[in-house]
Structures are given as structure tokens and as C-alpha cells.
Amino acid sequence: MVPVMLEPVAPGYRRYDWIGGRPTDWVMLDPREPIIIEGSGALTRASAPLASSRIWMDAPEPVRRQAVEVRDGPVGDWWDTWAAQEDRHIAENDPEHLADIVR
């Protein structure tokens, strides 16, 4: 077996243009800082044991939508798709009860 040398990967994520349907710019993260993975589907039965802290936060729909649009820009009709996915996720994973902190 030949050893394979892997190059370090810079932590980050690619933004997505939901209206244009394509990835956009790369956002670099500081590898010395803790990483917070957020999103209504982030806390699942599978991911919970891997996290050092689990937080479930809830807010009224207009507040959540505004936060998404500040972060990602206009999301068009995607909001309804995501709401249905979120409802299924909550029914299947009960993330509020997987959390250490609930707000």
C-alpha cells in the first residue's frame, strides 16, 4: 500500500444563491475558533452524540425568515420547501429534547 499525503483543508463553507440556483463565494473560518453548526436540521439523533453542546432555539416564523434572508439574501419559494422539511425533521428527531439548552 502506498501512503497518501493529504493536504490540510481550510475550514469554511460556500454561500448559495437560492434565487440563481448556484453556489457563490467561499467564506473562510478561523480553525482556532469553535465551529457552530446551525440550522433547523443540524440537531438529529445521529449528530447529537458528536456535539460538545446542543442548543435548540425557536422563534416566530417572521423572525426566522428575516434571519435567513439577512444571511443568504432573498430565498423566493424555497421558504415553503424548507418549512415542510423542518416539520418532518422535528417530527422524526425531536431536536428540542436532544438539546442541552433550550431557548
N, C-alpha and C. Protein backbone atom coordinates (compact mmCIF):
# COMPACT_ATOMS: atom_id res chain seq x y z
N MET A 1 0.85 -1.18 0.00
CA MET A 1 0.00 0.00 0.00
C MET A 1 0.89 1.24 0.00
N VAL A 2 0.57 2.18 -0.84
CA VAL A 2 1.31 3.42 -0.95
C VAL A 2 0.67 4.46 -0.03
N PRO A 3 1.48 5.07 0.87
CA PRO A 3 0.89 6.09 1.75
C PRO A 3 0.44 7.31 0.93
N VAL A 4 -0.65 7.89 1.35
CA VAL A 4 -1.20 9.07 0.68
C VAL A 4 -1.08 10.24 1.63
N MET A 5 -0.52 11.33 1.15
CA MET A 5 -0.40 12.54 1.96
C MET A 5 -1.58 13.46 1.62
N LEU A 6 -2.30 13.85 2.61
CA LEU A 6 -3.44 14.74 2.41
C LEU A 6 -3.03 16.17 2.74
N GLU A 7 -3.48 17.08 1.93
CA GLU A 7 -3.24 18.49 2.19
C GLU A 7 -4.25 18.98 3.24
N PRO A 8 -3.83 19.88 4.13
CA PRO A 8 -4.81 20.44 5.08
C PRO A 8 -5.94 21.15 4.34
N VAL A 9 -7.10 21.04 4.87
CA VAL A 9 -8.27 21.68 4.28
C VAL A 9 -8.62 22.90 5.12
N ALA A 10 -8.75 24.05 4.47
CA ALA A 10 -9.14 25.26 5.19
C ALA A 10 -10.62 25.17 5.52
N PRO A 11 -10.98 25.36 6.80
CA PRO A 11 -12.39 25.28 7.15
C PRO A 11 -13.17 26.45 6.59
N GLY A 12 -14.36 26.16 6.16
CA GLY A 12 -15.22 27.21 5.63
C GLY A 12 -16.46 26.61 4.98
N TYR A 13 -17.17 27.44 4.30
CA TYR A 13 -18.38 26.99 3.62
C TYR A 13 -18.65 27.90 2.43
N ARG A 14 -19.40 27.38 1.49
CA ARG A 14 -19.76 28.15 0.30
C ARG A 14 -21.20 28.65 0.46
N ARG A 15 -21.37 29.96 0.28
CA ARG A 15 -22.72 30.53 0.27
C ARG A 15 -23.47 30.02 -0.95
N TYR A 16 -24.79 30.11 -0.89
CA TYR A 16 -25.60 29.64 -2.01
C TYR A 16 -26.59 30.70 -2.41
N ASP A 17 -26.70 30.94 -3.69
CA ASP A 17 -27.67 31.88 -4.24
C ASP A 17 -28.93 31.09 -4.54
N TRP A 18 -29.93 31.22 -3.66
CA TRP A 18 -31.14 30.40 -3.78
C TRP A 18 -32.00 30.82 -4.97
N ILE A 19 -31.97 32.07 -5.34
CA ILE A 19 -32.73 32.52 -6.50
C ILE A 19 -32.04 32.07 -7.79
N GLY A 20 -30.73 32.25 -7.85
CA GLY A 20 -29.96 31.86 -9.03
C GLY A 20 -29.70 30.36 -9.13
N GLY A 21 -29.86 29.65 -8.01
CA GLY A 21 -29.65 28.21 -8.02
C GLY A 21 -28.21 27.79 -8.21
N ARG A 22 -27.28 28.54 -7.57
CA ARG A 22 -25.87 28.19 -7.74
C ARG A 22 -25.05 28.61 -6.52
N PRO A 23 -23.92 27.93 -6.29
CA PRO A 23 -23.01 28.34 -5.23
C PRO A 23 -22.39 29.70 -5.56
N THR A 24 -22.01 30.43 -4.51
CA THR A 24 -21.35 31.72 -4.72
C THR A 24 -20.01 31.72 -4.01
N ASP A 25 -19.74 32.74 -3.20
CA ASP A 25 -18.42 32.92 -2.61
C ASP A 25 -18.12 31.93 -1.47
N TRP A 26 -16.84 31.71 -1.23
CA TRP A 26 -16.34 30.87 -0.16
C TRP A 26 -16.10 31.74 1.07
N VAL A 27 -16.60 31.31 2.22
CA VAL A 27 -16.42 32.03 3.48
C VAL A 27 -15.44 31.23 4.33
N MET A 28 -14.29 31.81 4.61
CA MET A 28 -13.26 31.14 5.42
C MET A 28 -13.62 31.21 6.90
N LEU A 29 -13.30 30.16 7.64
CA LEU A 29 -13.47 30.13 9.09
C LEU A 29 -12.10 30.03 9.74
N ASP A 30 -11.98 30.57 10.94
CA ASP A 30 -10.73 30.50 11.70
C ASP A 30 -10.65 29.12 12.36
N PRO A 31 -9.67 28.29 12.00
CA PRO A 31 -9.61 26.94 12.56
C PRO A 31 -9.32 26.91 14.06
N ARG A 32 -8.92 28.04 14.63
CA ARG A 32 -8.66 28.09 16.08
C ARG A 32 -9.93 28.36 16.88
N GLU A 33 -10.99 28.74 16.19
CA GLU A 33 -12.25 29.07 16.86
C GLU A 33 -13.20 27.87 16.86
N PRO A 34 -14.07 27.79 17.85
CA PRO A 34 -15.08 26.73 17.82
C PRO A 34 -15.99 26.90 16.60
N ILE A 35 -16.53 25.82 16.12
CA ILE A 35 -17.44 25.86 14.99
C ILE A 35 -18.85 25.62 15.50
N ILE A 36 -19.74 26.51 15.11
CA ILE A 36 -21.15 26.36 15.45
C ILE A 36 -21.87 25.94 14.17
N ILE A 37 -22.50 24.80 14.22
CA ILE A 37 -23.27 24.32 13.09
C ILE A 37 -24.72 24.63 13.39
N GLU A 38 -25.32 25.46 12.56
CA GLU A 38 -26.69 25.89 12.83
C GLU A 38 -27.61 25.50 11.69
N GLY A 39 -28.84 25.50 12.01
CA GLY A 39 -29.87 25.17 11.04
C GLY A 39 -30.87 24.25 11.69
N SER A 40 -32.10 24.35 11.25
CA SER A 40 -33.14 23.57 11.92
C SER A 40 -32.90 22.07 11.81
N GLY A 41 -32.16 21.62 10.81
CA GLY A 41 -31.92 20.19 10.65
C GLY A 41 -30.58 19.73 11.20
N ALA A 42 -29.85 20.60 11.87
CA ALA A 42 -28.50 20.25 12.33
C ALA A 42 -28.50 19.30 13.53
N LEU A 43 -29.50 19.39 14.38
CA LEU A 43 -29.53 18.56 15.59
C LEU A 43 -30.43 17.36 15.35
N THR A 44 -29.79 16.21 15.16
CA THR A 44 -30.51 14.97 14.89
C THR A 44 -30.08 13.91 15.90
N ARG A 45 -30.76 12.79 15.88
CA ARG A 45 -30.37 11.68 16.75
C ARG A 45 -28.95 11.22 16.44
N ALA A 46 -28.55 11.30 15.16
CA ALA A 46 -27.20 10.88 14.76
C ALA A 46 -26.13 11.91 15.12
N SER A 47 -26.45 13.21 14.99
CA SER A 47 -25.44 14.24 15.24
C SER A 47 -25.30 14.60 16.72
N ALA A 48 -26.32 14.41 17.51
CA ALA A 48 -26.29 14.82 18.92
C ALA A 48 -25.11 14.26 19.69
N PRO A 49 -24.78 12.97 19.58
CA PRO A 49 -23.65 12.44 20.35
C PRO A 49 -22.29 13.01 19.92
N LEU A 50 -22.20 13.62 18.74
CA LEU A 50 -20.93 14.13 18.23
C LEU A 50 -20.66 15.56 18.67
N ALA A 51 -21.65 16.23 19.23
CA ALA A 51 -21.52 17.65 19.57
C ALA A 51 -21.09 17.81 21.03
N SER A 52 -20.30 18.85 21.29
CA SER A 52 -19.92 19.13 22.67
C SER A 52 -21.03 19.89 23.40
N SER A 53 -21.85 20.63 22.66
CA SER A 53 -23.00 21.32 23.22
C SER A 53 -24.12 21.27 22.19
N ARG A 54 -25.35 21.14 22.67
CA ARG A 54 -26.50 21.08 21.79
C ARG A 54 -27.52 22.11 22.26
N ILE A 55 -27.84 23.04 21.36
CA ILE A 55 -28.75 24.13 21.70
C ILE A 55 -29.91 24.12 20.71
N TRP A 56 -31.12 24.20 21.23
CA TRP A 56 -32.31 24.32 20.38
C TRP A 56 -32.91 25.68 20.65
N MET A 57 -33.03 26.49 19.61
CA MET A 57 -33.64 27.82 19.75
C MET A 57 -34.84 27.87 18.82
N ASP A 58 -35.87 28.54 19.29
CA ASP A 58 -37.06 28.69 18.47
C ASP A 58 -37.44 30.17 18.45
N ALA A 59 -38.07 30.58 17.39
CA ALA A 59 -38.52 31.96 17.25
C ALA A 59 -39.71 31.95 16.30
N PRO A 60 -40.52 33.00 16.34
CA PRO A 60 -41.64 33.08 15.40
C PRO A 60 -41.15 33.06 13.96
N GLU A 61 -41.99 32.55 13.06
CA GLU A 61 -41.63 32.40 11.65
C GLU A 61 -41.10 33.69 11.02
N PRO A 62 -41.70 34.87 11.24
CA PRO A 62 -41.15 36.08 10.60
C PRO A 62 -39.72 36.39 11.05
N VAL A 63 -39.41 36.11 12.30
CA VAL A 63 -38.05 36.36 12.82
C VAL A 63 -37.07 35.40 12.16
N ARG A 64 -37.45 34.12 12.05
CA ARG A 64 -36.58 33.12 11.42
C ARG A 64 -36.35 33.46 9.94
N ARG A 65 -37.41 33.84 9.27
CA ARG A 65 -37.28 34.16 7.83
C ARG A 65 -36.37 35.37 7.63
N GLN A 66 -36.52 36.38 8.45
CA GLN A 66 -35.67 37.56 8.33
C GLN A 66 -34.21 37.19 8.55
N ALA A 67 -33.93 36.34 9.53
CA ALA A 67 -32.55 35.92 9.79
C ALA A 67 -31.96 35.19 8.59
N VAL A 68 -32.75 34.33 7.97
CA VAL A 68 -32.29 33.61 6.78
C VAL A 68 -32.00 34.58 5.65
N GLU A 69 -32.87 35.54 5.43
CA GLU A 69 -32.69 36.46 4.32
C GLU A 69 -31.55 37.46 4.57
N VAL A 70 -31.28 37.78 5.83
CA VAL A 70 -30.11 38.61 6.13
C VAL A 70 -28.84 37.82 5.81
N ARG A 71 -28.84 36.54 6.15
CA ARG A 71 -27.68 35.69 5.91
C ARG A 71 -27.50 35.35 4.44
N ASP A 72 -28.59 34.93 3.75
CA ASP A 72 -28.49 34.37 2.41
C ASP A 72 -29.06 35.25 1.30
N GLY A 73 -29.75 36.32 1.66
CA GLY A 73 -30.42 37.10 0.63
C GLY A 73 -31.81 36.52 0.36
N PRO A 74 -32.49 37.00 -0.65
CA PRO A 74 -33.84 36.52 -0.95
C PRO A 74 -33.84 35.01 -1.23
N VAL A 75 -34.82 34.31 -0.68
CA VAL A 75 -34.89 32.85 -0.85
C VAL A 75 -36.08 32.41 -1.69
N GLY A 76 -36.90 33.36 -2.12
CA GLY A 76 -38.01 33.03 -3.00
C GLY A 76 -38.92 31.95 -2.43
N ASP A 77 -39.30 31.02 -3.28
CA ASP A 77 -40.23 29.96 -2.89
C ASP A 77 -39.59 28.87 -2.05
N TRP A 78 -38.28 28.94 -1.83
CA TRP A 78 -37.62 27.90 -1.03
C TRP A 78 -38.15 27.86 0.40
N TRP A 79 -38.64 28.97 0.91
CA TRP A 79 -39.09 29.00 2.31
C TRP A 79 -40.13 27.92 2.58
N ASP A 80 -41.10 27.76 1.70
CA ASP A 80 -42.16 26.75 1.90
C ASP A 80 -41.59 25.34 1.89
N THR A 81 -40.64 25.09 1.01
CA THR A 81 -39.98 23.77 0.96
C THR A 81 -39.27 23.50 2.27
N TRP A 82 -38.51 24.50 2.74
CA TRP A 82 -37.77 24.33 4.00
C TRP A 82 -38.70 24.14 5.19
N ALA A 83 -39.81 24.85 5.21
CA ALA A 83 -40.76 24.72 6.32
C ALA A 83 -41.29 23.30 6.39
N ALA A 84 -41.61 22.70 5.26
CA ALA A 84 -42.09 21.32 5.24
C ALA A 84 -40.99 20.36 5.70
N GLN A 85 -39.74 20.60 5.27
CA GLN A 85 -38.62 19.77 5.71
C GLN A 85 -38.41 19.91 7.22
N GLU A 86 -38.54 21.13 7.72
CA GLU A 86 -38.36 21.37 9.15
C GLU A 86 -39.43 20.64 9.95
N ASP A 87 -40.66 20.68 9.49
CA ASP A 87 -41.75 19.96 10.18
C ASP A 87 -41.46 18.46 10.26
N ARG A 88 -40.98 17.88 9.14
CA ARG A 88 -40.63 16.45 9.14
C ARG A 88 -39.47 16.16 10.09
N HIS A 89 -38.45 17.02 10.04
CA HIS A 89 -37.28 16.85 10.91
C HIS A 89 -37.69 16.87 12.38
N ILE A 90 -38.51 17.82 12.77
CA ILE A 90 -38.94 17.92 14.17
C ILE A 90 -39.73 16.68 14.57
N ALA A 91 -40.61 16.21 13.69
CA ALA A 91 -41.40 15.01 13.99
C ALA A 91 -40.51 13.77 14.12
N GLU A 92 -39.48 13.66 13.30
CA GLU A 92 -38.63 12.47 13.29
C GLU A 92 -37.54 12.49 14.35
N ASN A 93 -36.98 13.67 14.68
CA ASN A 93 -35.82 13.74 15.55
C ASN A 93 -36.07 14.36 16.93
N ASP A 94 -37.16 15.10 17.07
CA ASP A 94 -37.47 15.77 18.33
C ASP A 94 -36.25 16.52 18.87
N PRO A 95 -35.66 17.44 18.07
CA PRO A 95 -34.41 18.08 18.46
C PRO A 95 -34.47 18.87 19.76
N GLU A 96 -35.63 19.39 20.09
CA GLU A 96 -35.74 20.14 21.36
C GLU A 96 -35.35 19.25 22.53
N HIS A 97 -35.72 17.98 22.49
CA HIS A 97 -35.41 17.07 23.59
C HIS A 97 -34.02 16.47 23.50
N LEU A 98 -33.32 16.68 22.39
CA LEU A 98 -31.92 16.26 22.27
C LEU A 98 -30.97 17.35 22.80
N ALA A 99 -31.49 18.55 22.98
CA ALA A 99 -30.67 19.70 23.33
C ALA A 99 -30.34 19.75 24.82
N ASP A 100 -29.16 20.33 25.09
CA ASP A 100 -28.75 20.62 26.48
C ASP A 100 -29.37 21.93 26.94
N ILE A 101 -29.54 22.85 26.01
CA ILE A 101 -30.08 24.18 26.31
C ILE A 101 -31.21 24.43 25.33
N VAL A 102 -32.34 24.92 25.84
CA VAL A 102 -33.50 25.27 25.01
C VAL A 102 -33.86 26.71 25.28
N ARG A 103 -33.99 27.49 24.22
CA ARG A 103 -34.35 28.91 24.33
C ARG A 103 -35.51 29.21 23.44
